[in-house]
Amino acid sequence: MTGYQEIMTDPSFAGQIITFTFPHIGNVGTNSEDVEAQSPHALGMIVREGVTAPSNFRSTERLDAWLAARGRIGLSGIDTRALTRRIRVGGAPNGVIAHAADGKFDVPALLAMARGWPGLEGMDLAKDVTADATSTWHGGVWRLGFGYQGEGDESARPHVVAIDYGAKRNIFRNLVDAGARVSVVPATASFDEVMALNPDGIFLSNGPGDPAATGEYAVPVIRALLKTEKPLFGICLGHQLLALALGGRTVKMHQGHRGANHPVKRLSDGAVEITSMNHGFAVERDSLGEGVRETHVSLFDGSNAGLETADGRAFSVQYHPEASPGPQDSLYLFERFVGLMGSGS
């Protein structure tokens, strides 16, 4: 089972502890390529079995050593299936993961820390994980034997300005692979700062926290961008922020959707996409007004998984078409977005 490096480095997991239900995590080791950010954003990981010696030709370091070198804690020997059932019934609990070299813990202090955490509702975490400054992204998707490949002269490509609320790198790679060139701006970038880059299209990234909190500063910018009629594409938090900008509402979910095998129905033709999901908030379907249509629904619980404006030039999905890790059924969305920019935008 691979994908644990990508999950631990996904900025959407900022402030969270990850429980892996697959019992054998770490078997393929770690490397410098399978990451979604420079360093881990998840606070720690919980697994069933202890990490064994890696068995993969790409491995350069054991998972436990990789975690320790980056100041993250891994806890093994836990019945992760039982923990998952508890989360399913009771919702995601507050928790603390701690390490003490001498094995002595101040349990009352740790309990107070867990009980005192306010939870994700009302919390804006995008500012904590966003890019520090505007930058230009280079490099496409990874290919065996070649690594991450550049795409040659990008000057003639349609220009995407990506607003980084906690973006995964593989999103940018897939935008490049679909034929775009990409500039990245911080989550707090203003409308004028975005438009000064002369975008052909705007991308709204994934990220952590409560979309309503991030929306305090993001939604006015998105509403202004919508008026330009330039193509706009959002993923995960970006989907939720687009919904808010279009007059919708978001709600905290009981336990959220996490994992790489979530079935989603595409309403345009009834096709089912197997998707990767990671979100604790959802768009309320009934809040979507005129001029906005639902495009995808979760087949697990029927919750909203996609929307678009009536003209189709702004669209978004709740799941992760870039996978990393996960299935690749939905890569066509990147091609759709780039195609819109090449059709007179």
C-alpha atoms as a PDB file:
ATOM      1  CA  MET A   1       0.000   0.000   0.000  1.00  0.00           C
ATOM      2  CA  THR A   2       1.457   3.317  -1.114  1.00  0.00           C
ATOM      3  CA  GLY A   3       0.236   6.887  -0.723  1.00  0.00           C
ATOM      4  CA  TYR A   4       1.076   7.490   2.927  1.00  0.00           C
ATOM      5  CA  GLN A   5       3.772  10.054   2.120  1.00  0.00           C
ATOM      6  CA  GLU A   6       1.353  12.014  -0.055  1.00  0.00           C
ATOM      7  CA  ILE A   7      -1.287  11.914   2.681  1.00  0.00           C
ATOM      8  CA  MET A   8       1.074  13.030   5.440  1.00  0.00           C
ATOM      9  CA  THR A   9       2.334  15.957   3.334  1.00  0.00           C
ATOM     10  CA  ASP A  10      -1.104  17.046   2.058  1.00  0.00           C
ATOM     11  CA  PRO A  11      -1.738  20.560   3.471  1.00  0.00           C
ATOM     12  CA  SER A  12      -5.437  19.658   3.806  1.00  0.00           C
ATOM     13  CA  PHE A  13      -4.475  17.489   6.793  1.00  0.00           C
ATOM     14  CA  ALA A  14      -2.965  20.386   8.766  1.00  0.00           C
ATOM     15  CA  GLY A  15      -3.789  20.023  12.456  1.00  0.00           C
ATOM     16  CA  GLN A  16      -5.014  16.434  12.123  1.00  0.00           C
ATOM     17  CA  ILE A  17      -3.858  12.933  13.099  1.00  0.00           C
ATOM     18  CA  ILE A  18      -4.218  10.291  10.384  1.00  0.00           C
ATOM     19  CA  THR A  19      -5.458   6.762  11.091  1.00  0.00           C
ATOM     20  CA  PHE A  20      -4.596   4.247   8.372  1.00  0.00           C
ATOM     21  CA  THR A  21      -6.951   1.269   8.346  1.00  0.00           C
ATOM     22  CA  PHE A  22      -4.809  -0.811   5.988  1.00  0.00           C
ATOM     23  CA  PRO A  23      -2.699  -2.836   8.442  1.00  0.00           C
ATOM     24  CA  HIS A  24       0.671  -2.688   6.664  1.00  0.00           C
ATOM     25  CA  ILE A  25       1.828   0.905   6.234  1.00  0.00           C
ATOM     26  CA  GLY A  26       5.462   1.653   5.464  1.00  0.00           C
ATOM     27  CA  ASN A  27       6.357  -1.509   3.563  1.00  0.00           C
ATOM     28  CA  VAL A  28       7.562   0.379   0.495  1.00  0.00           C
ATOM     29  CA  GLY A  29       9.587   2.916   2.466  1.00  0.00           C
ATOM     30  CA  THR A  30       9.863   6.576   1.494  1.00  0.00           C
ATOM     31  CA  ASN A  31      11.558   8.683  -1.151  1.00  0.00           C
ATOM     32  CA  SER A  32      12.002  12.321  -2.077  1.00  0.00           C
ATOM     33  CA  GLU A  33       9.416  12.305  -4.884  1.00  0.00           C
ATOM     34  CA  ASP A  34       6.162  11.036  -3.369  1.00  0.00           C
ATOM     35  CA  VAL A  35       5.275  14.199  -1.472  1.00  0.00           C
ATOM     36  CA  GLU A  36       2.617  16.882  -1.875  1.00  0.00           C
ATOM     37  CA  ALA A  37       4.490  19.570   0.069  1.00  0.00           C
ATOM     38  CA  GLN A  38       8.024  20.185   1.287  1.00  0.00           C
ATOM     39  CA  SER A  39       7.262  18.802   4.765  1.00  0.00           C
ATOM     40  CA  PRO A  40       4.431  16.950   6.541  1.00  0.00           C
ATOM     41  CA  HIS A  41       1.335  18.905   7.536  1.00  0.00           C
ATOM     42  CA  ALA A  42      -0.452  16.103   9.387  1.00  0.00           C
ATOM     43  CA  LEU A  43       0.529  15.998  13.061  1.00  0.00           C
ATOM     44  CA  GLY A  44       1.073  12.239  13.207  1.00  0.00           C
ATOM     45  CA  MET A  45      -0.064   8.829  12.039  1.00  0.00           C
ATOM     46  CA  ILE A  46      -1.687   5.817  13.702  1.00  0.00           C
ATOM     47  CA  VAL A  47      -1.137   2.336  12.248  1.00  0.00           C
ATOM     48  CA  ARG A  48      -1.833  -1.278  13.164  1.00  0.00           C
ATOM     49  CA  GLU A  49       1.502  -2.957  12.516  1.00  0.00           C
ATOM     50  CA  GLY A  50       4.991  -1.721  13.227  1.00  0.00           C
ATOM     51  CA  VAL A  51       6.987  -0.450  10.261  1.00  0.00           C
ATOM     52  CA  THR A  52       9.077  -3.181   8.633  1.00  0.00           C
ATOM     53  CA  ALA A  53      12.151  -2.955   6.413  1.00  0.00           C
ATOM     54  CA  PRO A  54      11.124  -1.366   3.086  1.00  0.00           C
ATOM     55  CA  SER A  55      10.740  -3.498  -0.004  1.00  0.00           C
ATOM     56  CA  ASN A  56      10.713  -1.228  -3.044  1.00  0.00           C
ATOM     57  CA  PHE A  57      13.380  -0.184  -5.521  1.00  0.00           C
ATOM     58  CA  ARG A  58      12.498   3.505  -5.105  1.00  0.00           C
ATOM     59  CA  SER A  59      12.878   3.551  -1.316  1.00  0.00           C
ATOM     60  CA  THR A  60      15.643   5.641   0.220  1.00  0.00           C
ATOM     61  CA  GLU A  61      14.511   5.728   3.870  1.00  0.00           C
ATOM     62  CA  ARG A  62      12.283   3.811   6.285  1.00  0.00           C
ATOM     63  CA  LEU A  63       8.937   5.434   7.060  1.00  0.00           C
ATOM     64  CA  ASP A  64       9.612   5.674  10.801  1.00  0.00           C
ATOM     65  CA  ALA A  65      12.979   7.360  10.170  1.00  0.00           C
ATOM     66  CA  TRP A  66      11.350   9.712   7.640  1.00  0.00           C
ATOM     67  CA  LEU A  67       8.728  10.742  10.203  1.00  0.00           C
ATOM     68  CA  ALA A  68      11.244  11.228  13.026  1.00  0.00           C
ATOM     69  CA  ALA A  69      13.510  13.367  10.853  1.00  0.00           C
ATOM     70  CA  ARG A  70      10.567  15.686  10.220  1.00  0.00           C
ATOM     71  CA  GLY A  71       9.322  15.899  13.791  1.00  0.00           C
ATOM     72  CA  ARG A  72       6.221  13.775  13.305  1.00  0.00           C
ATOM     73  CA  ILE A  73       5.039  10.951  15.558  1.00  0.00           C
ATOM     74  CA  GLY A  74       3.941   7.516  14.402  1.00  0.00           C
ATOM     75  CA  LEU A  75       2.012   5.209  16.740  1.00  0.00           C
ATOM     76  CA  SER A  76       1.691   1.480  15.982  1.00  0.00           C
ATOM     77  CA  GLY A  77      -0.027  -1.420  17.746  1.00  0.00           C
ATOM     78  CA  ILE A  78      -3.471   0.208  17.626  1.00  0.00           C
ATOM     79  CA  ASP A  79      -6.628  -1.624  16.538  1.00  0.00           C
ATOM     80  CA  THR A  80      -7.298   0.826  13.719  1.00  0.00           C
ATOM     81  CA  ARG A  81     -10.495  -0.922  12.609  1.00  0.00           C
ATOM     82  CA  ALA A  82     -11.974  -0.454  16.093  1.00  0.00           C
ATOM     83  CA  LEU A  83     -10.878   3.180  16.088  1.00  0.00           C
ATOM     84  CA  THR A  84     -12.505   3.646  12.689  1.00  0.00           C
ATOM     85  CA  ARG A  85     -15.784   2.218  13.963  1.00  0.00           C
ATOM     86  CA  ARG A  86     -15.661   4.591  16.907  1.00  0.00           C
ATOM     87  CA  ILE A  87     -15.137   7.552  14.563  1.00  0.00           C
ATOM     88  CA  ARG A  88     -17.964   6.299  12.319  1.00  0.00           C
ATOM     89  CA  VAL A  89     -20.400   6.321  15.239  1.00  0.00           C
ATOM     90  CA  GLY A  90     -19.168   9.243  17.295  1.00  0.00           C
ATOM     91  CA  GLY A  91     -17.598  11.487  14.670  1.00  0.00           C
ATOM     92  CA  ALA A  92     -13.997  12.654  14.508  1.00  0.00           C
ATOM     93  CA  PRO A  93     -12.792  13.098  18.108  1.00  0.00           C
ATOM     94  CA  ASN A  94     -10.277  15.526  19.532  1.00  0.00           C
ATOM     95  CA  GLY A  95      -6.986  13.776  20.192  1.00  0.00           C
ATOM     96  CA  VAL A  96      -3.348  14.279  21.092  1.00  0.00           C
ATOM     97  CA  ILE A  97      -0.403  12.228  19.863  1.00  0.00           C
ATOM     98  CA  ALA A  98       2.736  12.620  21.967  1.00  0.00           C
ATOM     99  CA  HIS A  99       6.235  11.199  22.387  1.00  0.00           C
ATOM    100  CA  ALA A 100       8.451  11.065  25.474  1.00  0.00           C
ATOM    101  CA  ALA A 101      11.892   9.508  25.272  1.00  0.00           C
ATOM    102  CA  ASP A 102      11.683   8.334  28.881  1.00  0.00           C
ATOM    103  CA  GLY A 103       8.167   6.926  28.461  1.00  0.00           C
ATOM    104  CA  LYS A 104       6.723   9.282  31.087  1.00  0.00           C
ATOM    105  CA  PHE A 105       3.650  11.298  30.073  1.00  0.00           C
ATOM    106  CA  ASP A 106       1.674  13.989  31.883  1.00  0.00           C
ATOM    107  CA  VAL A 107      -1.671  12.381  31.083  1.00  0.00           C
ATOM    108  CA  PRO A 108      -3.871  15.075  32.726  1.00  0.00           C
ATOM    109  CA  ALA A 109      -2.087  17.768  30.687  1.00  0.00           C
ATOM    110  CA  LEU A 110      -2.536  15.800  27.472  1.00  0.00           C
ATOM    111  CA  LEU A 111      -6.225  15.263  28.228  1.00  0.00           C
ATOM    112  CA  ALA A 112      -6.647  18.985  28.871  1.00  0.00           C
ATOM    113  CA  MET A 113      -4.933  19.723  25.562  1.00  0.00           C
ATOM    114  CA  ALA A 114      -7.312  17.434  23.671  1.00  0.00           C
ATOM    115  CA  ARG A 115     -10.398  18.742  25.431  1.00  0.00           C
ATOM    116  CA  GLY A 116      -9.333  22.337  24.894  1.00  0.00           C
ATOM    117  CA  TRP A 117      -8.905  22.083  21.128  1.00  0.00           C
ATOM    118  CA  PRO A 118     -11.761  24.097  19.579  1.00  0.00           C
ATOM    119  CA  GLY A 119     -12.236  21.873  16.506  1.00  0.00           C
ATOM    120  CA  LEU A 120     -12.173  22.727  12.817  1.00  0.00           C
ATOM    121  CA  GLU A 121     -15.539  24.492  12.732  1.00  0.00           C
ATOM    122  CA  GLY A 122     -14.930  28.218  12.447  1.00  0.00           C
ATOM    123  CA  MET A 123     -11.176  27.718  11.955  1.00  0.00           C
ATOM    124  CA  ASP A 124      -9.297  29.266   9.025  1.00  0.00           C
ATOM    125  CA  LEU A 125      -6.193  27.137   8.427  1.00  0.00           C
ATOM    126  CA  ALA A 126      -5.541  28.181   4.836  1.00  0.00           C
ATOM    127  CA  LYS A 127      -3.453  31.147   5.988  1.00  0.00           C
ATOM    128  CA  ASP A 128      -1.164  28.741   7.860  1.00  0.00           C
ATOM    129  CA  VAL A 129      -0.365  26.535   4.867  1.00  0.00           C
ATOM    130  CA  THR A 130      -0.607  28.816   1.834  1.00  0.00           C
ATOM    131  CA  ALA A 131       2.326  29.974  -0.280  1.00  0.00           C
ATOM    132  CA  ASP A 132       4.332  32.904   1.095  1.00  0.00           C
ATOM    133  CA  ALA A 133       4.524  34.713  -2.232  1.00  0.00           C
ATOM    134  CA  THR A 134       3.530  34.500  -5.881  1.00  0.00           C
ATOM    135  CA  SER A 135       5.556  31.964  -7.847  1.00  0.00           C
ATOM    136  CA  THR A 136       5.687  30.145 -11.172  1.00  0.00           C
ATOM    137  CA  TRP A 137       5.139  26.389 -11.151  1.00  0.00           C
ATOM    138  CA  HIS A 138       7.249  24.133 -13.352  1.00  0.00           C
ATOM    139  CA  GLY A 139       7.006  20.402 -14.022  1.00  0.00           C
ATOM    140  CA  GLY A 140       4.420  17.878 -15.090  1.00  0.00           C
ATOM    141  CA  VAL A 141       3.360  14.489 -13.745  1.00  0.00           C
ATOM    142  CA  TRP A 142       5.763  11.751 -12.615  1.00  0.00           C
ATOM    143  CA  ARG A 143       6.712   9.009 -15.047  1.00  0.00           C
ATOM    144  CA  LEU A 144       8.630   5.849 -14.252  1.00  0.00           C
ATOM    145  CA  GLY A 145      12.249   6.171 -15.259  1.00  0.00           C
ATOM    146  CA  PHE A 146      11.982   9.926 -15.845  1.00  0.00           C
ATOM    147  CA  GLY A 147      10.607  11.441 -12.635  1.00  0.00           C
ATOM    148  CA  TYR A 148       8.816  14.780 -12.856  1.00  0.00           C
ATOM    149  CA  GLN A 149       9.206  16.050 -16.377  1.00  0.00           C
ATOM    150  CA  GLY A 150       9.343  19.611 -17.600  1.00  0.00           C
ATOM    151  CA  GLU A 151       7.087  20.496 -20.501  1.00  0.00           C
ATOM    152  CA  GLY A 152       9.440  22.585 -22.645  1.00  0.00           C
ATOM    153  CA  ASP A 153       8.401  26.045 -23.813  1.00  0.00           C
ATOM    154  CA  GLU A 154       5.304  27.052 -21.843  1.00  0.00           C
ATOM    155  CA  SER A 155       4.942  30.595 -23.198  1.00  0.00           C
ATOM    156  CA  ALA A 156       2.216  29.699 -25.695  1.00  0.00           C
ATOM    157  CA  ARG A 157       0.133  27.749 -23.187  1.00  0.00           C
ATOM    158  CA  PRO A 158      -3.026  29.141 -21.558  1.00  0.00           C
ATOM    159  CA  HIS A 159      -2.128  30.728 -18.236  1.00  0.00           C
ATOM    160  CA  VAL A 160      -3.731  29.434 -15.032  1.00  0.00           C
ATOM    161  CA  VAL A 161      -3.482  31.485 -11.861  1.00  0.00           C
ATOM    162  CA  ALA A 162      -3.939  29.067  -8.967  1.00  0.00           C
ATOM    163  CA  ILE A 163      -5.055  30.454  -5.619  1.00  0.00           C
ATOM    164  CA  ASP A 164      -3.283  28.340  -3.017  1.00  0.00           C
ATOM    165  CA  TYR A 165      -5.466  27.590   0.013  1.00  0.00           C
ATOM    166  CA  GLY A 166      -3.260  24.572   0.820  1.00  0.00           C
ATOM    167  CA  ALA A 167      -2.731  23.034  -2.593  1.00  0.00           C
ATOM    168  CA  LYS A 168      -1.359  19.605  -3.394  1.00  0.00           C
ATOM    169  CA  ARG A 169       1.516  19.696  -5.865  1.00  0.00           C
ATOM    170  CA  ASN A 170      -0.023  17.017  -8.049  1.00  0.00           C
ATOM    171  CA  ILE A 171      -2.842  19.392  -8.956  1.00  0.00           C
ATOM    172  CA  PHE A 172      -0.334  21.788 -10.517  1.00  0.00           C
ATOM    173  CA  ARG A 173       1.421  18.883 -12.249  1.00  0.00           C
ATOM    174  CA  ASN A 174      -1.839  17.746 -13.828  1.00  0.00           C
ATOM    175  CA  LEU A 175      -2.666  21.270 -14.970  1.00  0.00           C
ATOM    176  CA  VAL A 176       0.707  21.364 -16.713  1.00  0.00           C
ATOM    177  CA  ASP A 177       0.173  17.879 -18.132  1.00  0.00           C
ATOM    178  CA  ALA A 178      -3.195  19.017 -19.531  1.00  0.00           C
ATOM    179  CA  GLY A 179      -1.508  21.857 -21.399  1.00  0.00           C
ATOM    180  CA  ALA A 180      -1.451  24.897 -19.091  1.00  0.00           C
ATOM    181  CA  ARG A 181       1.248  27.034 -17.539  1.00  0.00           C
ATOM    182  CA  VAL A 182       0.683  27.795 -13.873  1.00  0.00           C
ATOM    183  CA  SER A 183       1.310  30.703 -11.536  1.00  0.00           C
ATOM    184  CA  VAL A 184       0.562  30.278  -7.834  1.00  0.00           C
ATOM    185  CA  VAL A 185      -0.654  33.077  -5.551  1.00  0.00           C
ATOM    186  CA  PRO A 186      -1.274  33.073  -1.782  1.00  0.00           C
ATOM    187  CA  ALA A 187      -4.747  32.464  -0.358  1.00  0.00           C
ATOM    188  CA  THR A 188      -5.049  36.140   0.591  1.00  0.00           C
ATOM    189  CA  ALA A 189      -4.302  37.461  -2.901  1.00  0.00           C
ATOM    190  CA  SER A 190      -6.655  40.252  -3.931  1.00  0.00           C
ATOM    191  CA  PHE A 191      -8.670  40.413  -7.136  1.00  0.00           C
ATOM    192  CA  ASP A 192      -6.280  43.019  -8.524  1.00  0.00           C
ATOM    193  CA  GLU A 193      -3.247  40.870  -7.690  1.00  0.00           C
ATOM    194  CA  VAL A 194      -4.754  37.891  -9.488  1.00  0.00           C
ATOM    195  CA  MET A 195      -5.772  39.886 -12.550  1.00  0.00           C
ATOM    196  CA  ALA A 196      -2.372  41.619 -12.733  1.00  0.00           C
ATOM    197  CA  LEU A 197      -0.970  38.230 -13.798  1.00  0.00           C
ATOM    198  CA  ASN A 198      -3.276  38.254 -16.851  1.00  0.00           C
ATOM    199  CA  PRO A 199      -4.834  34.822 -16.299  1.00  0.00           C
ATOM    200  CA  ASP A 200      -6.708  32.864 -18.936  1.00  0.00           C
ATOM    201  CA  GLY A 201      -8.329  30.883 -16.133  1.00  0.00           C
ATOM    202  CA  ILE A 202      -8.380  30.732 -12.340  1.00  0.00           C
ATOM    203  CA  PHE A 203      -7.971  27.638 -10.186  1.00  0.00           C
ATOM    204  CA  LEU A 204      -9.215  27.375  -6.572  1.00  0.00           C
ATOM    205  CA  SER A 205      -7.212  24.797  -4.641  1.00  0.00           C
ATOM    206  CA  ASN A 206      -7.909  22.350  -1.879  1.00  0.00           C
ATOM    207  CA  GLY A 207      -6.939  23.188   1.699  1.00  0.00           C
ATOM    208  CA  PRO A 208      -7.723  22.672   5.395  1.00  0.00           C
ATOM    209  CA  GLY A 209     -10.198  24.217   7.794  1.00  0.00           C
ATOM    210  CA  ASP A 210     -13.727  25.577   7.687  1.00  0.00           C
ATOM    211  CA  PRO A 211     -14.645  26.994   4.252  1.00  0.00           C
ATOM    212  CA  ALA A 212     -16.915  29.595   5.845  1.00  0.00           C
ATOM    213  CA  ALA A 213     -13.956  30.974   7.839  1.00  0.00           C
ATOM    214  CA  THR A 214     -11.628  31.052   4.834  1.00  0.00           C
ATOM    215  CA  GLY A 215     -14.494  32.473   2.823  1.00  0.00           C
ATOM    216  CA  GLU A 216     -14.433  35.695   4.860  1.00  0.00           C
ATOM    217  CA  TYR A 217     -11.624  36.934   2.623  1.00  0.00           C
ATOM    218  CA  ALA A 218     -11.748  34.418  -0.259  1.00  0.00           C
ATOM    219  CA  VAL A 219     -15.398  34.691  -1.290  1.00  0.00           C
ATOM    220  CA  PRO A 220     -15.381  38.422  -2.243  1.00  0.00           C
ATOM    221  CA  VAL A 221     -12.363  37.776  -4.483  1.00  0.00           C
ATOM    222  CA  ILE A 222     -14.019  34.753  -6.119  1.00  0.00           C
ATOM    223  CA  ARG A 223     -17.225  36.698  -6.740  1.00  0.00           C
ATOM    224  CA  ALA A 224     -15.231  39.393  -8.484  1.00  0.00           C
ATOM    225  CA  LEU A 225     -13.384  36.768 -10.536  1.00  0.00           C
ATOM    226  CA  LEU A 226     -16.681  35.205 -11.597  1.00  0.00           C
ATOM    227  CA  LYS A 227     -17.723  38.524 -13.113  1.00  0.00           C
ATOM    228  CA  THR A 228     -14.744  38.394 -15.488  1.00  0.00           C
ATOM    229  CA  GLU A 229     -16.315  35.278 -17.083  1.00  0.00           C
ATOM    230  CA  LYS A 230     -12.917  33.631 -17.243  1.00  0.00           C
ATOM    231  CA  PRO A 231     -12.976  29.827 -16.744  1.00  0.00           C
ATOM    232  CA  LEU A 232     -12.775  28.868 -13.085  1.00  0.00           C
ATOM    233  CA  PHE A 233     -12.137  25.411 -11.615  1.00  0.00           C
ATOM    234  CA  GLY A 234     -12.194  24.418  -7.938  1.00  0.00           C
ATOM    235  CA  ILE A 235     -11.247  21.271  -6.039  1.00  0.00           C
ATOM    236  CA  CYS A 236     -12.291  20.322  -2.464  1.00  0.00           C
ATOM    237  CA  LEU A 237     -12.016  23.524  -0.385  1.00  0.00           C
ATOM    238  CA  GLY A 238     -12.024  25.386  -3.694  1.00  0.00           C
ATOM    239  CA  HIS A 239     -15.331  23.673  -4.505  1.00  0.00           C
ATOM    240  CA  GLN A 240     -16.805  24.768  -1.200  1.00  0.00           C
ATOM    241  CA  LEU A 241     -15.567  28.344  -1.613  1.00  0.00           C
ATOM    242  CA  LEU A 242     -17.035  28.526  -5.119  1.00  0.00           C
ATOM    243  CA  ALA A 243     -20.374  27.320  -3.718  1.00  0.00           C
ATOM    244  CA  LEU A 244     -20.256  30.040  -1.060  1.00  0.00           C
ATOM    245  CA  ALA A 245     -19.434  32.651  -3.700  1.00  0.00           C
ATOM    246  CA  LEU A 246     -22.465  31.500  -5.698  1.00  0.00           C
ATOM    247  CA  GLY A 247     -24.751  31.946  -2.689  1.00  0.00           C
ATOM    248  CA  GLY A 248     -24.614  28.440  -1.234  1.00  0.00           C
ATOM    249  CA  ARG A 249     -23.853  27.177   2.260  1.00  0.00           C
ATOM    250  CA  THR A 250     -21.479  24.603   3.741  1.00  0.00           C
ATOM    251  CA  VAL A 251     -21.963  22.354   6.745  1.00  0.00           C
ATOM    252  CA  LYS A 252     -19.669  20.355   9.028  1.00  0.00           C
ATOM    253  CA  MET A 253     -19.999  16.614   8.358  1.00  0.00           C
ATOM    254  CA  HIS A 254     -20.316  13.987  11.087  1.00  0.00           C
ATOM    255  CA  GLN A 255     -17.066  12.222  10.195  1.00  0.00           C
ATOM    256  CA  GLY A 256     -16.251  13.438   6.707  1.00  0.00           C
ATOM    257  CA  HIS A 257     -15.122  11.497   3.643  1.00  0.00           C
ATOM    258  CA  ARG A 258     -11.572  10.152   3.603  1.00  0.00           C
ATOM    259  CA  GLY A 259     -10.042   7.561   1.320  1.00  0.00           C
ATOM    260  CA  ALA A 260      -9.204   6.555  -2.212  1.00  0.00           C
ATOM    261  CA  ASN A 261     -12.227   4.505  -3.321  1.00  0.00           C
ATOM    262  CA  HIS A 262     -15.273   6.747  -3.068  1.00  0.00           C
ATOM    263  CA  PRO A 263     -17.882   6.207  -5.816  1.00  0.00           C
ATOM    264  CA  VAL A 264     -19.303   9.383  -7.323  1.00  0.00           C
ATOM    265  CA  LYS A 265     -22.125   9.551  -9.875  1.00  0.00           C
ATOM    266  CA  ARG A 266     -21.755  12.002 -12.744  1.00  0.00           C
ATOM    267  CA  LEU A 267     -25.262  13.302 -13.354  1.00  0.00           C
ATOM    268  CA  SER A 268     -24.726  14.313 -16.987  1.00  0.00           C
ATOM    269  CA  ASP A 269     -24.539  10.699 -18.182  1.00  0.00           C
ATOM    270  CA  GLY A 270     -24.921   8.483 -15.111  1.00  0.00           C
ATOM    271  CA  ALA A 271     -21.303   7.310 -15.197  1.00  0.00           C
ATOM    272  CA  VAL A 272     -19.681   6.360 -11.908  1.00  0.00           C
ATOM    273  CA  GLU A 273     -16.201   7.668 -11.098  1.00  0.00           C
ATOM    274  CA  ILE A 274     -14.082   6.068  -8.378  1.00  0.00           C
ATOM    275  CA  THR A 275     -12.503   8.984  -6.570  1.00  0.00           C
ATOM    276  CA  SER A 276     -10.170  10.067  -3.804  1.00  0.00           C
ATOM    277  CA  MET A 277     -11.752  12.200  -1.078  1.00  0.00           C
ATOM    278  CA  ASN A 278     -10.546  14.151   1.931  1.00  0.00           C
ATOM    279  CA  HIS A 279     -13.014  16.601   3.434  1.00  0.00           C
ATOM    280  CA  GLY A 280     -14.888  17.254   6.659  1.00  0.00           C
ATOM    281  CA  PHE A 281     -17.299  19.867   5.294  1.00  0.00           C
ATOM    282  CA  ALA A 282     -19.859  19.589   2.503  1.00  0.00           C
ATOM    283  CA  VAL A 283     -21.915  21.899   0.307  1.00  0.00           C
ATOM    284  CA  GLU A 284     -25.608  21.907   1.181  1.00  0.00           C
ATOM    285  CA  ARG A 285     -27.418  20.929  -2.004  1.00  0.00           C
ATOM    286  CA  ASP A 286     -30.595  22.837  -1.112  1.00  0.00           C
ATOM    287  CA  SER A 287     -28.628  26.073  -0.785  1.00  0.00           C
ATOM    288  CA  LEU A 288     -27.620  26.146  -4.454  1.00  0.00           C
ATOM    289  CA  GLY A 289     -29.720  28.782  -6.175  1.00  0.00           C
ATOM    290  CA  GLU A 290     -30.766  29.506  -9.740  1.00  0.00           C
ATOM    291  CA  GLY A 291     -27.981  29.502 -12.278  1.00  0.00           C
ATOM    292  CA  VAL A 292     -26.090  26.747 -10.424  1.00  0.00           C
ATOM    293  CA  ARG A 293     -26.561  23.049 -11.110  1.00  0.00           C
ATOM    294  CA  GLU A 294     -25.327  19.979  -9.310  1.00  0.00           C
ATOM    295  CA  THR A 295     -23.043  17.810 -11.451  1.00  0.00           C
ATOM    296  CA  HIS A 296     -21.870  14.976  -9.169  1.00  0.00           C
ATOM    297  CA  VAL A 297     -23.153  13.190  -6.066  1.00  0.00           C
ATOM    298  CA  SER A 298     -21.539  10.793  -3.609  1.00  0.00           C
ATOM    299  CA  LEU A 299     -22.945   7.278  -3.861  1.00  0.00           C
ATOM    300  CA  PHE A 300     -21.999   6.630  -0.244  1.00  0.00           C
ATOM    301  CA  ASP A 301     -24.353   9.183   1.325  1.00  0.00           C
ATOM    302  CA  GLY A 302     -25.839  11.227  -1.526  1.00  0.00           C
ATOM    303  CA  SER A 303     -23.986  14.407  -0.562  1.00  0.00           C
ATOM    304  CA  ASN A 304     -23.022  16.975  -3.160  1.00  0.00           C
ATOM    305  CA  ALA A 305     -19.774  16.237  -5.002  1.00  0.00           C
ATOM    306  CA  GLY A 306     -19.766  18.765  -7.833  1.00  0.00           C
ATOM    307  CA  LEU A 307     -21.405  21.860  -9.302  1.00  0.00           C
ATOM    308  CA  GLU A 308     -21.204  24.242 -12.232  1.00  0.00           C
ATOM    309  CA  THR A 309     -22.681  27.539 -13.343  1.00  0.00           C
ATOM    310  CA  ALA A 310     -25.341  27.571 -16.052  1.00  0.00           C
ATOM    311  CA  ASP A 311     -22.836  28.520 -18.749  1.00  0.00           C
ATOM    312  CA  GLY A 312     -20.390  25.825 -17.577  1.00  0.00           C
ATOM    313  CA  ARG A 313     -17.458  28.229 -17.361  1.00  0.00           C
ATOM    314  CA  ALA A 314     -17.119  27.846 -13.585  1.00  0.00           C
ATOM    315  CA  PHE A 315     -17.189  24.361 -12.126  1.00  0.00           C
ATOM    316  CA  SER A 316     -15.840  22.424  -9.166  1.00  0.00           C
ATOM    317  CA  VAL A 317     -15.741  19.016  -7.524  1.00  0.00           C
ATOM    318  CA  GLN A 318     -15.588  17.962  -3.898  1.00  0.00           C
ATOM    319  CA  TYR A 319     -13.235  15.060  -4.591  1.00  0.00           C
ATOM    320  CA  HIS A 320      -9.617  14.957  -5.821  1.00  0.00           C
ATOM    321  CA  PRO A 321      -9.287  14.241  -9.561  1.00  0.00           C
ATOM    322  CA  GLU A 322      -5.503  14.507  -9.249  1.00  0.00           C
ATOM    323  CA  ALA A 323      -5.584  11.487  -6.874  1.00  0.00           C
ATOM    324  CA  SER A 324      -2.069  11.169  -5.390  1.00  0.00           C
ATOM    325  CA  PRO A 325      -2.893   8.725  -3.968  1.00  0.00           C
ATOM    326  CA  GLY A 326      -5.941   7.221  -5.593  1.00  0.00           C
ATOM    327  CA  PRO A 327      -7.730   6.424  -8.851  1.00  0.00           C
ATOM    328  CA  GLN A 328      -7.455   8.523 -11.991  1.00  0.00           C
ATOM    329  CA  ASP A 329     -11.008   8.304 -13.341  1.00  0.00           C
ATOM    330  CA  SER A 330     -11.463  12.084 -13.185  1.00  0.00           C
ATOM    331  CA  LEU A 331      -8.355  13.463 -14.892  1.00  0.00           C
ATOM    332  CA  TYR A 332     -10.645  14.620 -17.718  1.00  0.00           C
ATOM    333  CA  LEU A 333     -11.608  17.590 -15.532  1.00  0.00           C
ATOM    334  CA  PHE A 334      -8.172  19.155 -16.022  1.00  0.00           C
ATOM    335  CA  GLU A 335      -8.507  18.731 -19.776  1.00  0.00           C
ATOM    336  CA  ARG A 336     -11.973  20.312 -19.646  1.00  0.00           C
ATOM    337  CA  PHE A 337     -10.631  23.319 -17.765  1.00  0.00           C
ATOM    338  CA  VAL A 338      -7.696  23.854 -20.103  1.00  0.00           C
ATOM    339  CA  GLY A 339     -10.037  23.349 -23.080  1.00  0.00           C
ATOM    340  CA  LEU A 340     -12.273  26.169 -21.846  1.00  0.00           C
ATOM    341  CA  MET A 341      -9.307  28.527 -21.732  1.00  0.00           C
ATOM    342  CA  GLY A 342      -8.411  27.592 -25.281  1.00  0.00           C
ATOM    343  CA  SER A 343     -11.885  28.316 -26.628  1.00  0.00           C
ATOM    344  CA  GLY A 344     -11.996  32.074 -26.639  1.00  0.00           C
ATOM    345  CA  SER A 345     -11.501  32.989 -22.986  1.00  0.00           C
END
